[in-house]
Amino acid sequence: MTPETLEAGTLAGGPFNFTVDGVPDMVSGITLDNFTGQGDVQSFVITDDAKNILGLPPTFEALEGVDFDGAGEGVCYIYHITYQTGLTGLETEQNLDDLDGTFDLSNFIVVNRSGLNAGMLSGGPYEFVVDGLPDMVSEIALDAANVTGDNQTYVITDDAKNILGLPPTLEAVMGVDFDGAGVGSCYIYHLTYSAELGGLEQGGNLDSLTGQFALSNFVVVDRVGLNAGALSGGPYNFVVDGMPDMVSAIALDETDLNGENQTYVITDDAKNILGLPPTLEAVMGVDFDGAGVGSCYIYHLTYSAELGGLEQGGNLDNLTGQFAVSNFVTVNRNALNAGILSGGPFMFSVDGTADMVSGITLDETQLTGSNQGYVITDADLNILGLPPTLEAVEGVDFDGAGIGLCLIWHITYEDGIVGLEAGANAADLDGFFALSNSVSVYRNPNAGVISGGPFTFQVDGNPDMVSGISLDSSAATGSNSTWVITDDQGNILGLPPTLAAVESVDFDGAGTGVCLIWYMRYEDGLTGLEMGNNVDDLEGLYGLSNSITVTRN
């Protein structure tokens, strides 16, 4: 308990307000009144705001030597105490409420230890387009009413707190060109500090600063990229046929569009610039038929500062400067399509009997073109006939054309085609047209008719020759002739040039099996006519007679 006879006096001075900033903060000018000198021991007591004892300076000099900056942020209370010997609990880390003995406490003096205060920034947020044009902030203000700290600066960071710049004043902040930082976000802070601060340099990071400092709130500067919008429409599929082809119904979504300059760009599939129509109306006036077969791409482009390489004949990949390109709309410029013919090949014998094709069909799935017809040519593309329909094609007598190869084509074309007439050559056609694949019609020589046999021999080591074979060549045609001996699979075993040579062949030497004797007529250019090959693999114009069987038992 505390006797009434002790009197600790009355403290005067303060309150004191310090900033925790790494710079020593000491009290001064404190006085003690009304102290009667009673009590065995006198001291000063420093506590926090919960009366926990932080220090016990014994004298005024010791009290005024205490650095309150080291205690960090908070509130301290300074008391004067007088007490009789035997007092317990008066030591650091104890609490005033736990003292036991005879003592008296004076009133207290308050020491406020406030943190550094960097003030409050206002302004923004700012959104700039990174387009090559300078972008500065303006109307940023600092409320400095509660700012503390001996040193002040502004800090500009990216969104990861990396320090990009340290403008010392608001005027310097407003002189920063944020366009040069590229796309992203910047943050502007005000910073205050007193003692030496570590890590405050361009290239450092706010989270790595060491020392006593305070940061204000931040002002956001968003640096957005150029946006060319979004195109819709197409894809367009045109036929290159001499008729104008224009796009329509293309639209530009301008929701996020930015940039001071706008244009449209038409390229080929290698991004070579074919045209620069300035508006959608101009785009829709372009005749894509004139570009020939291929693909075009329509882009919208936006830019602000000077742009290099934007010219007809240039390439999108070589543009220099700040710009943005939209998605593209495709324009496919297709060639005329004559469809696909199926049927054949047809093998006829030139023998005075009419030979007509049949079963030819035209797949019209991809067929395009205003005019349609059929073309019959020889192997050198000389035009022999122009039947207008499949029915007319199937009415042509190919026997009358003599020995040779005919090709049947389907043709599609636009008005104005030149050279489409019998006697001309298909390779010389001029205009907009397309030819299908061809169906082959072989007009082969006639080998006539052979008679004799069949022959049956015993394989016994004695020579076996055929005889009595005759050839009726009254209807035979073809420039060249030979005899052909095959097995029953068509494999060529021999090529005796004359009938006498045939009748000199010893079939006993062929062993057991079946041989076939043929007479052949053929034209120059025939390939595959040699021993070891098969008659089914012959290529060219030829005719085989009937065969005579030679059985070797």
Protein backbone atom coordinates (compact mmCIF):
# COMPACT_ATOMS: atom_id res chain seq x y z
CA MET A 1 0.00 0.00 0.00
CA THR A 2 1.07 3.61 -0.56
CA PRO A 3 1.38 5.80 2.59
CA GLU A 4 -0.08 9.26 2.33
CA THR A 5 3.14 10.77 3.66
CA LEU A 6 5.10 10.08 0.38
CA GLU A 7 4.75 12.66 -2.40
CA ALA A 8 6.43 12.06 -5.82
CA GLY A 9 5.74 15.58 -7.05
CA THR A 10 4.32 16.86 -10.33
CA LEU A 11 5.99 16.52 -13.73
CA ALA A 12 5.66 19.29 -16.29
CA GLY A 13 6.69 19.25 -19.95
CA GLY A 14 5.59 17.70 -23.19
CA PRO A 15 3.65 16.01 -24.51
CA PHE A 16 6.38 14.97 -26.93
CA ASN A 17 5.71 13.83 -30.53
CA PHE A 18 8.52 12.02 -32.28
CA THR A 19 8.78 10.33 -35.66
CA VAL A 20 10.31 6.86 -35.76
CA ASP A 21 12.75 7.49 -38.59
CA GLY A 22 16.13 6.22 -37.48
CA VAL A 23 17.14 9.59 -36.07
CA PRO A 24 17.57 9.79 -32.23
CA ASP A 25 14.65 11.41 -30.37
CA MET A 26 15.25 12.70 -26.78
CA VAL A 27 12.97 14.60 -24.40
CA SER A 28 14.05 17.87 -22.82
CA GLY A 29 12.65 20.66 -20.66
CA ILE A 30 10.88 18.37 -18.21
CA THR A 31 10.58 19.80 -14.66
CA LEU A 32 9.51 18.29 -11.32
CA ASP A 33 7.48 20.39 -8.86
CA ASN A 34 6.00 19.75 -5.40
CA PHE A 35 8.47 17.01 -4.56
CA THR A 36 9.13 17.09 -0.76
CA GLY A 37 12.12 14.80 -0.88
CA GLN A 38 10.39 12.13 1.11
CA GLY A 39 11.22 8.48 0.41
CA ASP A 40 14.44 6.50 0.53
CA VAL A 41 14.88 6.29 -3.27
CA GLN A 42 13.79 8.41 -6.25
CA SER A 43 13.81 7.51 -9.95
CA PHE A 44 12.05 8.04 -13.22
CA VAL A 45 9.96 5.26 -14.78
CA ILE A 46 9.25 4.86 -18.52
CA THR A 47 6.38 2.56 -19.52
CA ASP A 48 4.38 1.73 -22.60
CA ASP A 49 0.66 2.43 -22.79
CA ALA A 50 -0.04 -0.83 -20.90
CA LYS A 51 2.21 0.26 -17.97
CA ASN A 52 4.90 -2.29 -18.85
CA ILE A 53 8.19 -0.92 -17.51
CA LEU A 54 10.62 -0.12 -20.38
CA GLY A 55 13.31 1.80 -18.46
CA LEU A 56 14.31 3.27 -15.08
CA PRO A 57 16.56 6.31 -15.68
CA PRO A 58 17.68 7.42 -12.19
CA THR A 59 18.16 11.13 -12.98
CA PHE A 60 17.01 13.94 -15.21
CA GLU A 61 20.26 13.63 -17.16
CA ALA A 62 19.67 9.91 -17.69
CA LEU A 63 16.05 10.55 -18.69
CA GLU A 64 17.08 13.14 -21.28
CA GLY A 65 19.63 10.66 -22.66
CA VAL A 66 16.97 8.06 -23.60
CA ASP A 67 16.51 7.61 -27.41
CA PHE A 68 12.78 7.06 -27.87
CA ASP A 69 13.25 6.41 -31.64
CA GLY A 70 14.58 2.94 -30.80
CA ALA A 71 11.32 1.94 -29.13
CA GLY A 72 9.48 1.93 -32.42
CA GLU A 73 5.99 3.23 -32.98
CA GLY A 74 3.69 3.59 -30.00
CA VAL A 75 3.16 5.67 -26.83
CA CYS A 76 5.49 6.01 -23.81
CA TYR A 77 4.70 7.45 -20.35
CA ILE A 78 7.30 9.08 -18.10
CA TYR A 79 6.65 9.03 -14.31
CA HIS A 80 8.63 10.19 -11.28
CA ILE A 81 8.62 7.68 -8.38
CA THR A 82 9.70 7.90 -4.73
CA TYR A 83 9.67 4.83 -2.51
CA GLN A 84 10.86 3.26 0.69
CA THR A 85 13.42 0.48 0.78
CA GLY A 86 11.86 -2.94 0.23
CA LEU A 87 9.75 -2.04 -2.80
CA THR A 88 9.38 -5.05 -5.17
CA GLY A 89 8.45 -5.24 -8.86
CA LEU A 90 10.29 -2.09 -9.89
CA GLU A 91 12.30 -3.49 -12.77
CA THR A 92 12.15 -3.61 -16.58
CA GLU A 93 9.66 -5.99 -18.14
CA GLN A 94 7.47 -5.77 -15.02
CA ASN A 95 4.25 -3.73 -14.74
CA LEU A 96 3.53 -0.70 -12.58
CA ASP A 97 0.33 -2.28 -11.36
CA ASP A 98 2.37 -5.07 -9.78
CA LEU A 99 4.55 -2.86 -7.49
CA ASP A 100 4.49 -3.90 -3.81
CA GLY A 101 5.78 -1.68 -1.04
CA THR A 102 5.71 1.93 0.00
CA PHE A 103 5.92 4.34 -3.00
CA ASP A 104 4.31 7.24 -4.73
CA LEU A 105 4.02 8.01 -8.51
CA SER A 106 3.79 11.42 -10.04
CA ASN A 107 1.57 12.27 -12.94
CA PHE A 108 2.90 11.11 -16.35
CA ILE A 109 4.20 12.89 -19.41
CA VAL A 110 3.24 11.45 -22.81
CA VAL A 111 5.79 10.61 -25.53
CA ASN A 112 4.11 9.78 -28.86
CA ARG A 113 6.30 7.79 -31.22
CA SER A 114 4.62 8.08 -34.60
CA GLY A 115 5.71 6.30 -37.79
CA LEU A 116 7.04 8.18 -40.78
CA ASN A 117 4.21 9.54 -42.91
CA ALA A 118 4.58 10.00 -46.65
CA GLY A 119 1.27 11.79 -47.09
CA MET A 120 -1.55 10.95 -49.49
CA LEU A 121 -1.36 11.13 -53.28
CA SER A 122 -4.42 11.94 -55.40
CA GLY A 123 -4.88 11.78 -59.14
CA GLY A 124 -5.42 9.20 -61.82
CA PRO A 125 -5.72 6.39 -62.53
CA TYR A 126 -4.18 7.13 -65.94
CA GLU A 127 -4.51 5.01 -69.05
CA PHE A 128 -2.18 5.68 -71.95
CA VAL A 129 -1.78 3.99 -75.32
CA VAL A 130 1.75 2.87 -76.16
CA ASP A 131 1.87 4.36 -79.63
CA GLY A 132 5.12 6.28 -79.95
CA LEU A 133 3.61 9.56 -78.70
CA PRO A 134 4.69 11.06 -75.33
CA ASP A 135 2.32 10.33 -72.42
CA MET A 136 2.64 12.43 -69.22
CA VAL A 137 0.54 12.46 -66.07
CA SER A 138 -0.98 15.66 -64.74
CA GLU A 139 -3.01 16.94 -61.78
CA ILE A 140 -1.31 14.63 -59.29
CA ALA A 141 -1.34 16.25 -55.83
CA LEU A 142 0.27 15.36 -52.49
CA ASP A 143 -1.60 16.04 -49.25
CA ALA A 144 1.40 16.93 -47.09
CA ALA A 145 -0.51 17.82 -43.89
CA ASN A 146 0.88 14.83 -42.01
CA VAL A 147 4.09 14.26 -43.96
CA THR A 148 7.11 13.56 -41.76
CA GLY A 149 10.73 12.72 -42.50
CA ASP A 150 13.77 14.76 -43.39
CA ASN A 151 14.07 13.47 -46.98
CA GLN A 152 11.41 13.27 -49.67
CA THR A 153 11.25 11.79 -53.15
CA TYR A 154 8.88 10.13 -55.61
CA VAL A 155 9.28 6.55 -56.77
CA ILE A 156 7.97 5.02 -60.01
CA THR A 157 7.80 1.20 -60.15
CA ASP A 158 6.41 -1.50 -62.39
CA ASP A 159 3.73 -3.92 -61.14
CA ALA A 160 6.42 -6.06 -59.48
CA LYS A 161 7.72 -3.05 -57.46
CA ASN A 162 10.92 -2.81 -59.49
CA ILE A 163 12.12 0.79 -59.33
CA LEU A 164 12.00 2.43 -62.75
CA GLY A 165 12.70 6.03 -61.73
CA LEU A 166 13.18 8.40 -58.78
CA PRO A 167 11.87 11.83 -59.80
CA PRO A 168 12.62 14.17 -56.87
CA THR A 169 9.56 16.43 -57.26
CA LEU A 170 6.02 16.39 -58.55
CA GLU A 171 7.17 18.56 -61.44
CA ALA A 172 9.72 15.89 -62.33
CA VAL A 173 7.03 13.19 -62.10
CA MET A 174 4.88 15.13 -64.55
CA GLY A 175 7.80 15.30 -66.95
CA VAL A 176 8.16 11.51 -67.23
CA ASP A 177 7.18 10.01 -70.64
CA PHE A 178 5.37 6.78 -69.76
CA ASP A 179 5.05 5.76 -73.44
CA GLY A 180 8.70 4.73 -73.40
CA ALA A 181 8.07 2.08 -70.74
CA GLY A 182 6.07 -0.09 -73.14
CA VAL A 183 2.91 -2.02 -72.34
CA GLY A 184 2.21 -2.67 -68.65
CA SER A 185 1.36 -0.81 -65.43
CA CYS A 186 3.36 1.77 -63.47
CA TYR A 187 2.85 2.88 -59.88
CA ILE A 188 3.77 6.33 -58.56
CA TYR A 189 4.54 6.62 -54.80
CA HIS A 190 5.69 9.42 -52.51
CA LEU A 191 8.47 8.26 -50.17
CA THR A 192 9.82 9.87 -47.00
CA TYR A 193 12.81 8.90 -44.87
CA SER A 194 15.23 10.45 -42.40
CA ALA A 195 18.30 8.35 -41.69
CA GLU A 196 20.29 6.63 -44.41
CA LEU A 197 18.12 4.40 -46.61
CA GLY A 198 19.52 1.32 -48.43
CA GLY A 199 18.39 0.02 -51.84
CA LEU A 200 16.78 3.25 -53.06
CA GLU A 201 18.09 3.21 -56.63
CA GLN A 202 16.89 2.59 -60.16
CA GLY A 203 16.84 -1.17 -60.78
CA GLY A 204 16.21 -1.93 -57.10
CA ASN A 205 12.94 -3.11 -55.60
CA LEU A 206 10.71 -1.46 -53.02
CA ASP A 207 10.55 -4.69 -51.02
CA SER A 208 14.33 -4.62 -50.64
CA LEU A 209 14.62 -1.15 -49.06
CA THR A 210 16.41 -1.11 -45.69
CA GLY A 211 16.09 1.60 -43.05
CA GLN A 212 13.31 3.83 -41.71
CA PHE A 213 10.95 5.03 -44.43
CA ALA A 214 7.31 5.44 -45.33
CA LEU A 215 5.45 5.13 -48.63
CA SER A 216 2.28 6.90 -49.59
CA ASN A 217 -0.55 5.26 -51.45
CA PHE A 218 0.14 4.88 -55.17
CA VAL A 219 -1.28 6.35 -58.36
CA VAL A 220 -1.76 3.84 -61.20
CA VAL A 221 -0.56 4.45 -64.76
CA ASP A 222 -1.80 1.76 -67.15
CA ARG A 223 0.10 1.58 -70.44
CA VAL A 224 -2.11 -0.35 -72.85
CA GLY A 225 -1.07 -1.56 -76.29
CA LEU A 226 -2.55 -0.32 -79.53
CA ASN A 227 -5.72 -2.19 -80.45
CA ALA A 228 -6.91 -2.51 -84.03
CA GLY A 229 -10.33 -3.93 -83.15
CA ALA A 230 -11.83 -7.17 -84.46
CA LEU A 231 -13.00 -7.85 -88.02
CA SER A 232 -15.92 -10.12 -88.82
CA GLY A 233 -17.12 -11.43 -92.15
CA GLY A 234 -16.18 -14.07 -94.67
CA PRO A 235 -14.39 -16.20 -95.51
CA TYR A 236 -15.12 -15.36 -99.13
CA ASN A 237 -14.69 -17.81 -101.99
CA PHE A 238 -14.53 -16.35 -105.49
CA VAL A 239 -13.87 -17.89 -108.90
CA VAL A 240 -11.26 -16.17 -111.04
CA ASP A 241 -13.32 -15.93 -114.18
CA GLY A 242 -13.00 -12.37 -115.45
CA MET A 243 -16.09 -11.26 -113.50
CA PRO A 244 -15.71 -8.63 -110.72
CA ASP A 245 -15.66 -10.13 -107.21
CA MET A 246 -16.24 -7.80 -104.23
CA VAL A 247 -16.58 -8.58 -100.53
CA SER A 248 -19.55 -7.39 -98.51
CA ALA A 249 -20.88 -7.45 -94.96
CA ILE A 250 -17.45 -7.00 -93.35
CA ALA A 251 -17.73 -5.24 -89.97
CA LEU A 252 -15.20 -3.81 -87.51
CA ASP A 253 -15.83 -4.11 -83.77
CA GLU A 254 -14.40 -0.86 -82.40
CA THR A 255 -15.03 -1.61 -78.70
CA ASP A 256 -11.34 -1.49 -77.73
CA LEU A 257 -10.08 0.36 -80.80
CA ASN A 258 -7.41 3.01 -80.20
CA GLY A 259 -4.70 4.82 -82.12
CA GLU A 260 -4.77 8.11 -83.99
CA ASN A 261 -4.46 6.67 -87.52
CA GLN A 262 -6.50 3.90 -89.10
CA THR A 263 -6.38 2.01 -92.38
CA TYR A 264 -7.11 -1.36 -93.95
CA VAL A 265 -4.42 -3.59 -95.43
CA ILE A 266 -4.87 -6.30 -98.07
CA THR A 267 -2.05 -8.86 -98.39
CA ASP A 268 -1.38 -12.13 -100.14
CA ASP A 269 -0.69 -15.31 -98.18
CA ALA A 270 2.96 -14.27 -97.73
CA LYS A 271 1.90 -10.93 -96.11
CA ASN A 272 3.00 -8.90 -99.14
CA ILE A 273 0.95 -5.71 -99.17
CA LEU A 274 -1.34 -5.59 -102.22
CA GLY A 275 -3.45 -2.57 -101.27
CA LEU A 276 -4.21 -0.03 -98.54
CA PRO A 277 -7.90 0.92 -98.77
CA PRO A 278 -8.49 3.66 -96.15
CA THR A 279 -12.09 2.72 -95.26
CA LEU A 280 -14.43 -0.26 -95.20
CA GLU A 281 -16.27 1.28 -98.16
CA ALA A 282 -13.00 1.27 -100.07
CA VAL A 283 -12.37 -2.36 -99.10
CA MET A 284 -15.76 -3.31 -100.46
CA GLY A 285 -14.90 -1.62 -103.73
CA VAL A 286 -11.85 -3.81 -104.41
CA ASP A 287 -12.19 -6.28 -107.31
CA PHE A 288 -10.45 -9.43 -106.08
CA ASP A 289 -10.86 -11.19 -109.44
CA GLY A 290 -7.98 -9.12 -110.79
CA ALA A 291 -5.55 -10.61 -108.28
CA GLY A 292 -5.68 -14.02 -109.95
CA VAL A 293 -5.76 -17.39 -108.22
CA GLY A 294 -4.64 -17.43 -104.58
CA SER A 295 -5.69 -16.13 -101.16
CA CYS A 296 -5.96 -12.55 -99.91
CA TYR A 297 -6.15 -11.40 -96.30
CA ILE A 298 -7.89 -8.23 -95.14
CA TYR A 299 -6.61 -6.61 -91.91
CA HIS A 300 -7.46 -3.44 -89.99
CA LEU A 301 -4.38 -1.53 -88.82
CA THR A 302 -4.02 1.26 -86.25
CA TYR A 303 -1.00 3.42 -85.45
CA SER A 304 -0.15 6.84 -83.99
CA ALA A 305 3.41 7.97 -84.56
CA GLU A 306 5.25 7.62 -87.85
CA LEU A 307 5.09 4.08 -89.27
CA GLY A 308 7.75 2.71 -91.63
CA GLY A 309 7.15 0.24 -94.46
CA LEU A 310 3.41 0.76 -94.84
CA GLU A 311 3.23 0.85 -98.62
CA GLN A 312 2.07 -1.26 -101.52
CA GLY A 313 4.79 -3.79 -102.31
CA GLY A 314 6.01 -3.86 -98.70
CA ASN A 315 5.42 -6.67 -96.23
CA LEU A 316 3.53 -6.66 -92.93
CA ASP A 317 6.45 -8.35 -91.19
CA ASN A 318 8.73 -5.44 -92.11
CA LEU A 319 6.65 -2.61 -90.59
CA THR A 320 8.59 -0.42 -88.12
CA GLY A 321 7.07 1.73 -85.39
CA GLN A 322 4.17 1.41 -82.98
CA PHE A 323 1.14 -0.27 -84.56
CA ALA A 324 -1.44 -3.00 -84.10
CA VAL A 325 -3.05 -5.34 -86.61
CA SER A 326 -6.49 -6.91 -86.22
CA ASN A 327 -7.43 -10.47 -87.07
CA PHE A 328 -7.86 -11.06 -90.79
CA VAL A 329 -10.72 -11.91 -93.13
CA THR A 330 -9.87 -14.47 -95.82
CA VAL A 331 -10.66 -14.07 -99.50
CA ASN A 332 -10.02 -17.26 -101.49
CA ARG A 333 -9.64 -16.70 -105.21
CA ASN A 334 -10.21 -20.11 -106.78
CA ALA A 335 -9.56 -21.19 -110.33
CA LEU A 336 -12.39 -22.41 -112.54
CA ASN A 337 -13.13 -26.09 -111.90
CA ALA A 338 -14.21 -28.43 -114.69
CA GLY A 339 -15.14 -31.32 -112.40
CA ILE A 340 -13.81 -34.89 -112.54
CA LEU A 341 -14.41 -37.43 -115.31
CA SER A 342 -14.52 -41.15 -114.60
CA GLY A 343 -14.72 -44.07 -117.00
CA GLY A 344 -12.39 -45.95 -119.33
CA PRO A 345 -9.74 -46.26 -120.43
CA PHE A 346 -11.29 -47.62 -123.61
CA MET A 347 -9.47 -50.08 -125.91
CA PHE A 348 -10.83 -50.33 -129.45
CA SER A 349 -9.54 -52.13 -132.55
CA VAL A 350 -9.52 -50.17 -135.80
CA ASP A 351 -11.35 -52.70 -137.94
CA GLY A 352 -14.12 -50.78 -139.72
CA THR A 353 -16.63 -51.53 -136.98
CA ALA A 354 -18.07 -48.53 -135.07
CA ASP A 355 -16.55 -48.02 -131.61
CA MET A 356 -18.39 -45.83 -129.05
CA VAL A 357 -17.53 -45.11 -125.42
CA SER A 358 -20.08 -45.59 -122.63
CA GLY A 359 -20.37 -45.32 -118.87
CA ILE A 360 -18.48 -41.99 -118.62
CA THR A 361 -19.67 -39.79 -115.70
CA LEU A 362 -18.87 -36.24 -114.58
CA ASP A 363 -18.55 -35.40 -110.86
CA GLU A 364 -19.91 -31.84 -110.69
CA THR A 365 -19.35 -31.32 -106.94
CA GLN A 366 -16.76 -28.56 -107.45
CA LEU A 367 -17.86 -27.53 -110.93
CA THR A 368 -17.78 -23.79 -111.68
CA GLY A 369 -18.01 -21.63 -114.77
CA SER A 370 -20.73 -20.14 -116.96
CA ASN A 371 -20.21 -22.37 -120.03
CA GLN A 372 -19.68 -26.13 -120.26
CA GLY A 373 -18.67 -28.58 -123.00
CA TYR A 374 -16.51 -31.57 -123.93
CA VAL A 375 -13.29 -31.62 -125.94
CA ILE A 376 -11.80 -34.59 -127.80
CA THR A 377 -8.10 -34.30 -128.65
CA ASP A 378 -5.33 -36.53 -129.90
CA ALA A 379 -2.25 -37.28 -127.80
CA ASP A 380 -0.73 -33.94 -128.88
CA LEU A 381 -3.81 -31.97 -127.72
CA ASN A 382 -4.96 -31.19 -131.26
CA ILE A 383 -8.71 -30.67 -131.03
CA LEU A 384 -10.60 -33.33 -132.99
CA GLY A 385 -14.12 -32.56 -131.82
CA LEU A 386 -16.27 -30.52 -129.43
CA PRO A 387 -19.32 -32.59 -128.43
CA PRO A 388 -21.52 -30.36 -126.24
CA THR A 389 -22.85 -33.11 -123.93
CA LEU A 390 -22.01 -36.54 -122.58
CA GLU A 391 -24.69 -37.96 -124.86
CA ALA A 392 -22.90 -36.42 -127.81
CA VAL A 393 -19.56 -37.83 -126.58
CA GLU A 394 -21.04 -41.31 -126.42
CA GLY A 395 -22.29 -40.89 -130.00
CA VAL A 396 -18.79 -40.41 -131.44
CA ASP A 397 -17.44 -43.30 -133.60
CA PHE A 398 -13.77 -43.54 -132.65
CA ASP A 399 -13.05 -46.23 -135.28
CA GLY A 400 -13.22 -43.58 -137.96
CA ALA A 401 -10.30 -41.69 -136.44
CA GLY A 402 -7.86 -44.46 -137.36
CA ILE A 403 -5.07 -45.82 -135.21
CA GLY A 404 -4.01 -43.54 -132.35
CA LEU A 405 -4.92 -42.20 -128.91
CA CYS A 406 -7.85 -39.91 -128.18
CA LEU A 407 -8.37 -37.96 -124.95
CA ILE A 408 -11.80 -36.89 -123.74
CA TRP A 409 -11.96 -33.76 -121.50
CA HIS A 410 -14.68 -31.71 -119.86
CA ILE A 411 -14.18 -27.95 -120.22
CA THR A 412 -15.70 -25.02 -118.31
CA TYR A 413 -15.14 -21.45 -119.48
CA GLU A 414 -16.30 -17.87 -119.48
CA ASP A 415 -17.35 -15.82 -122.47
CA GLY A 416 -14.51 -14.56 -124.60
CA ILE A 417 -12.43 -17.74 -124.76
CA VAL A 418 -10.22 -17.90 -127.87
CA GLY A 419 -9.04 -21.05 -129.71
CA LEU A 420 -11.83 -23.45 -128.78
CA GLU A 421 -12.41 -24.96 -132.22
CA ALA A 422 -11.67 -28.17 -134.14
CA GLY A 423 -8.24 -28.06 -135.73
CA ALA A 424 -6.78 -25.81 -133.04
CA ASN A 425 -4.71 -27.02 -130.11
CA ALA A 426 -5.95 -27.07 -126.51
CA ALA A 427 -2.57 -25.79 -125.33
CA ASP A 428 -3.27 -22.53 -127.20
CA LEU A 429 -6.60 -21.72 -125.52
CA ASP A 430 -6.73 -18.15 -124.22
CA GLY A 431 -9.20 -16.80 -121.66
CA PHE A 432 -10.79 -18.01 -118.44
CA PHE A 433 -11.25 -21.79 -118.62
CA ALA A 434 -10.48 -25.07 -116.88
CA LEU A 435 -10.10 -28.62 -118.18
CA SER A 436 -10.98 -31.73 -116.22
CA ASN A 437 -8.86 -34.84 -116.13
CA SER A 438 -8.94 -36.85 -119.36
CA VAL A 439 -10.37 -40.25 -120.26
CA SER A 440 -8.19 -42.25 -122.70
CA VAL A 441 -9.52 -43.94 -125.84
CA TYR A 442 -6.96 -46.24 -127.49
CA ARG A 443 -7.63 -46.92 -131.18
CA ASN A 444 -5.42 -49.97 -131.62
CA PRO A 445 -4.24 -51.79 -134.77
CA ASN A 446 -6.10 -54.95 -135.89
CA ALA A 447 -3.96 -58.08 -135.89
CA GLY A 448 -6.29 -60.20 -138.01
CA VAL A 449 -7.17 -63.86 -137.33
CA ILE A 450 -4.89 -66.87 -137.01
CA SER A 451 -5.98 -70.49 -137.41
CA GLY A 452 -4.44 -73.87 -136.68
CA GLY A 453 -4.10 -76.22 -133.76
CA PRO A 454 -4.72 -76.61 -130.95
CA PHE A 455 -1.53 -78.59 -130.48
CA THR A 456 -0.84 -81.28 -127.86
CA PHE A 457 2.69 -82.60 -127.33
CA GLN A 458 4.38 -85.12 -125.04
CA VAL A 459 7.41 -83.77 -123.22
CA ASP A 460 9.78 -86.66 -123.96
CA GLY A 461 13.02 -85.17 -125.18
CA ASN A 462 12.00 -85.27 -128.84
CA PRO A 463 11.52 -81.96 -130.69
CA ASP A 464 7.90 -80.77 -130.93
CA MET A 465 7.09 -78.08 -133.55
CA VAL A 466 3.76 -76.64 -134.65
CA SER A 467 2.73 -76.57 -138.27
CA GLY A 468 -0.20 -75.67 -140.50
CA ILE A 469 -0.80 -72.28 -138.82
CA SER A 470 -2.25 -69.64 -141.19
CA LEU A 471 -2.89 -65.87 -140.87
CA ASP A 472 -5.86 -63.98 -142.32
CA SER A 473 -4.52 -60.41 -142.47
CA SER A 474 -7.18 -59.00 -144.78
CA ALA A 475 -8.45 -56.68 -142.02
CA ALA A 476 -5.08 -56.21 -140.28
CA THR A 477 -3.76 -52.70 -139.64
CA GLY A 478 -0.68 -51.29 -137.94
CA SER A 479 2.83 -50.32 -138.95
CA ASN A 480 4.74 -53.16 -137.27
CA SER A 481 4.12 -56.87 -136.73
CA THR A 482 5.49 -59.81 -134.77
CA TRP A 483 4.47 -63.14 -133.28
CA VAL A 484 4.25 -63.53 -129.51
CA ILE A 485 4.45 -66.74 -127.49
CA THR A 486 3.26 -66.55 -123.87
CA ASP A 487 2.41 -68.93 -121.07
CA ASP A 488 -1.19 -69.17 -119.89
CA GLN A 489 -0.58 -66.18 -117.55
CA GLY A 490 0.43 -63.83 -120.36
CA ASN A 491 4.16 -63.88 -119.56
CA ILE A 492 6.16 -63.42 -122.79
CA LEU A 493 8.31 -66.49 -123.54
CA GLY A 494 9.37 -65.63 -127.07
CA LEU A 495 9.00 -63.14 -129.94
CA PRO A 496 9.51 -65.02 -133.25
CA PRO A 497 9.39 -62.40 -136.03
CA THR A 498 7.77 -64.61 -138.70
CA LEU A 499 5.45 -67.57 -139.03
CA ALA A 500 8.40 -69.66 -140.22
CA ALA A 501 10.21 -68.75 -137.01
CA VAL A 502 7.13 -69.80 -135.01
CA GLU A 503 7.10 -73.19 -136.68
CA SER A 504 10.79 -73.62 -135.84
CA VAL A 505 10.22 -73.32 -132.08
CA ASP A 506 10.81 -76.58 -130.16
CA PHE A 507 8.03 -76.58 -127.53
CA ASP A 508 9.42 -79.76 -125.92
CA GLY A 509 12.15 -77.62 -124.36
CA ALA A 510 9.56 -75.48 -122.52
CA GLY A 511 8.62 -78.37 -120.24
CA THR A 512 5.15 -79.26 -119.07
CA GLY A 513 2.51 -76.52 -119.37
CA VAL A 514 0.44 -74.46 -121.78
CA CYS A 515 1.76 -72.00 -124.36
CA LEU A 516 -0.29 -69.47 -126.35
CA ILE A 517 0.68 -68.30 -129.84
CA TRP A 518 -0.47 -64.78 -130.89
CA TYR A 519 0.00 -62.51 -133.85
CA MET A 520 0.56 -58.80 -133.06
CA ARG A 521 0.34 -55.52 -134.95
CA TYR A 522 1.63 -52.33 -133.22
CA GLU A 523 2.76 -48.76 -133.70
CA ASP A 524 6.09 -47.14 -132.93
CA GLY A 525 6.54 -46.21 -129.29
CA LEU A 526 5.19 -49.44 -127.81
CA THR A 527 6.99 -50.26 -124.55
CA GLY A 528 7.27 -53.51 -122.60
CA LEU A 529 7.44 -55.82 -125.63
CA GLU A 530 10.27 -58.09 -124.49
CA MET A 531 10.81 -61.56 -123.04
CA GLY A 532 10.11 -61.79 -119.33
CA ASN A 533 7.42 -59.08 -119.34
CA ASN A 534 3.68 -59.60 -119.38
CA VAL A 535 1.39 -58.54 -122.21
CA ASP A 536 -0.86 -56.84 -119.66
CA ASP A 537 1.95 -54.36 -119.00
CA LEU A 538 2.38 -53.23 -122.61
CA GLU A 539 1.95 -49.48 -123.12
CA GLY A 540 1.19 -48.03 -126.50
CA LEU A 541 -0.93 -48.84 -129.52
CA TYR A 542 -1.12 -52.53 -130.38
CA GLY A 543 -3.50 -55.32 -131.30
CA LEU A 544 -3.33 -59.05 -130.63
CA SER A 545 -5.01 -61.71 -132.70
CA ASN A 546 -6.80 -64.67 -131.25
CA SER A 547 -4.46 -67.24 -129.70
CA ILE A 548 -3.60 -70.86 -130.55
CA THR A 549 -3.04 -73.23 -127.62
CA VAL A 550 -0.03 -75.51 -127.34
CA THR A 551 -0.42 -78.03 -124.50
CA ARG A 552 2.79 -79.75 -123.32
CA ASN A 553 1.89 -82.92 -121.34
